């Protein structure tokens, strides 16, 4: 009978643990990787100083997440996202200026 009592106590203690709380904590600790992809895409735009800064922030955010600083990693990831967007916009402006200058000069041979 004592074995049955131990099994019932174990089953009861396992049932008391709410599953939703552990799932919530696991989701909260997950690292969002959206900023890394955006930073890599911004590296193809011709705005190199801004791209490098965005990449550095992305790597700092990744390092913060790996060290356990979730809030710091989120802040650095947000900054990396903003700088990546700025790099993409600056790259598109550079491409547009290059095309305007190139096609306005014309090729008169």
Protein backbone atom coordinates (compact mmCIF):
# COMPACT_ATOMS: atom_id res chain seq x y z
CA UNK A 1 0.00 0.00 0.00
CA UNK A 2 2.81 2.44 0.66
CA UNK A 3 3.94 2.07 -2.98
CA UNK A 4 0.45 2.99 -4.17
CA UNK A 5 0.41 5.99 -1.83
CA UNK A 6 3.76 7.20 -3.18
CA UNK A 7 2.54 6.85 -6.78
CA UNK A 8 -0.66 8.76 -6.03
CA UNK A 9 1.31 11.50 -4.22
CA UNK A 10 3.69 11.74 -7.20
CA UNK A 11 0.80 11.88 -9.65
CA UNK A 12 -0.92 14.54 -7.56
CA UNK A 13 2.22 16.68 -7.36
CA UNK A 14 2.72 16.44 -11.10
CA UNK A 15 -0.86 17.49 -11.73
CA UNK A 16 -0.48 20.54 -9.51
CA UNK A 17 2.22 22.08 -11.73
CA UNK A 18 0.48 24.37 -14.20
CA UNK A 19 1.71 23.68 -17.70
CA UNK A 20 0.86 27.15 -18.99
CA UNK A 21 3.35 28.84 -16.62
CA UNK A 22 6.26 26.71 -17.80
CA UNK A 23 5.29 27.26 -21.44
CA UNK A 24 5.09 31.01 -20.85
CA UNK A 25 8.55 31.09 -19.27
CA UNK A 26 10.01 29.07 -22.15
CA UNK A 27 8.49 31.40 -24.72
CA UNK A 28 9.70 34.45 -22.82
CA UNK A 29 13.29 33.17 -22.79
CA UNK A 30 13.31 32.44 -26.53
CA UNK A 31 15.52 34.66 -28.60
CA UNK A 32 13.91 36.46 -31.53
CA UNK A 33 16.06 36.09 -34.64
CA UNK A 34 14.26 38.53 -36.92
CA UNK A 35 16.86 41.24 -36.48
CA UNK A 36 19.71 38.94 -37.53
CA UNK A 37 18.06 38.16 -40.87
CA UNK A 38 17.31 41.83 -41.49
CA UNK A 39 20.88 42.77 -40.62
CA UNK A 40 22.25 40.21 -43.05
CA UNK A 41 19.98 41.56 -45.79
CA UNK A 42 21.12 45.10 -45.10
CA UNK A 43 24.71 44.04 -45.71
CA UNK A 44 23.92 43.78 -49.43
CA UNK A 45 23.03 47.47 -49.66
CA UNK A 46 25.81 49.93 -50.56
CA UNK A 47 25.80 51.82 -47.26
CA UNK A 48 28.74 50.12 -45.62
CA UNK A 49 29.40 52.10 -42.45
CA UNK A 50 25.75 51.82 -41.41
CA UNK A 51 25.67 48.09 -42.27
CA UNK A 52 28.67 47.39 -40.08
CA UNK A 53 27.10 49.23 -37.14
CA UNK A 54 23.87 47.23 -37.56
CA UNK A 55 25.84 43.98 -37.68
CA UNK A 56 27.79 44.90 -34.55
CA UNK A 57 24.56 45.64 -32.66
CA UNK A 58 23.09 42.34 -33.84
CA UNK A 59 26.11 40.43 -32.59
CA UNK A 60 26.03 42.31 -29.28
CA UNK A 61 22.35 41.38 -28.89
CA UNK A 62 23.13 37.74 -29.64
CA UNK A 63 25.93 37.79 -27.07
CA UNK A 64 23.61 39.36 -24.47
CA UNK A 65 21.01 36.64 -25.04
CA UNK A 66 23.65 33.95 -24.71
CA UNK A 67 24.88 35.47 -21.46
CA UNK A 68 21.33 35.47 -20.05
CA UNK A 69 20.57 39.19 -20.30
CA UNK A 70 17.24 38.88 -22.11
CA UNK A 71 16.14 42.49 -21.65
CA UNK A 72 19.49 43.89 -22.79
CA UNK A 73 19.44 41.57 -25.77
CA UNK A 74 15.98 42.77 -26.74
CA UNK A 75 17.06 46.40 -26.55
CA UNK A 76 20.16 45.78 -28.63
CA UNK A 77 18.12 43.72 -31.08
CA UNK A 78 15.67 46.59 -31.47
CA UNK A 79 18.53 49.01 -32.12
CA UNK A 80 19.99 46.57 -34.65
CA UNK A 81 16.62 46.43 -36.41
CA UNK A 82 16.36 50.21 -36.61
CA UNK A 83 19.92 50.63 -37.87
CA UNK A 84 19.36 47.85 -40.44
CA UNK A 85 16.27 49.62 -41.75
CA UNK A 86 18.26 52.86 -41.95
CA UNK A 87 21.01 51.02 -43.85
CA UNK A 88 18.53 49.60 -46.34
CA UNK A 89 16.94 53.02 -46.92
CA UNK A 90 20.36 54.66 -47.32
CA UNK A 91 21.42 51.90 -49.72
CA UNK A 92 18.31 52.39 -51.83
CA UNK A 93 18.99 56.14 -51.94
CA UNK A 94 22.57 55.52 -53.07
CA UNK A 95 21.36 53.14 -55.79
CA UNK A 96 18.73 55.66 -56.93
CA UNK A 97 21.29 58.49 -57.11
CA UNK A 98 23.70 56.29 -59.03
CA UNK A 99 21.00 55.32 -61.55
CA UNK A 100 19.87 58.93 -61.99
CA UNK A 101 23.40 60.16 -62.58
CA UNK A 102 24.29 57.26 -64.86
CA UNK A 103 21.21 57.50 -67.07
CA UNK A 104 21.07 61.32 -67.15
CA UNK A 105 24.62 61.53 -68.53
CA UNK A 106 23.64 59.32 -71.40
CA UNK A 107 25.93 57.20 -73.44
CA UNK A 108 26.69 59.23 -76.61
CA UNK A 109 29.08 57.21 -78.70
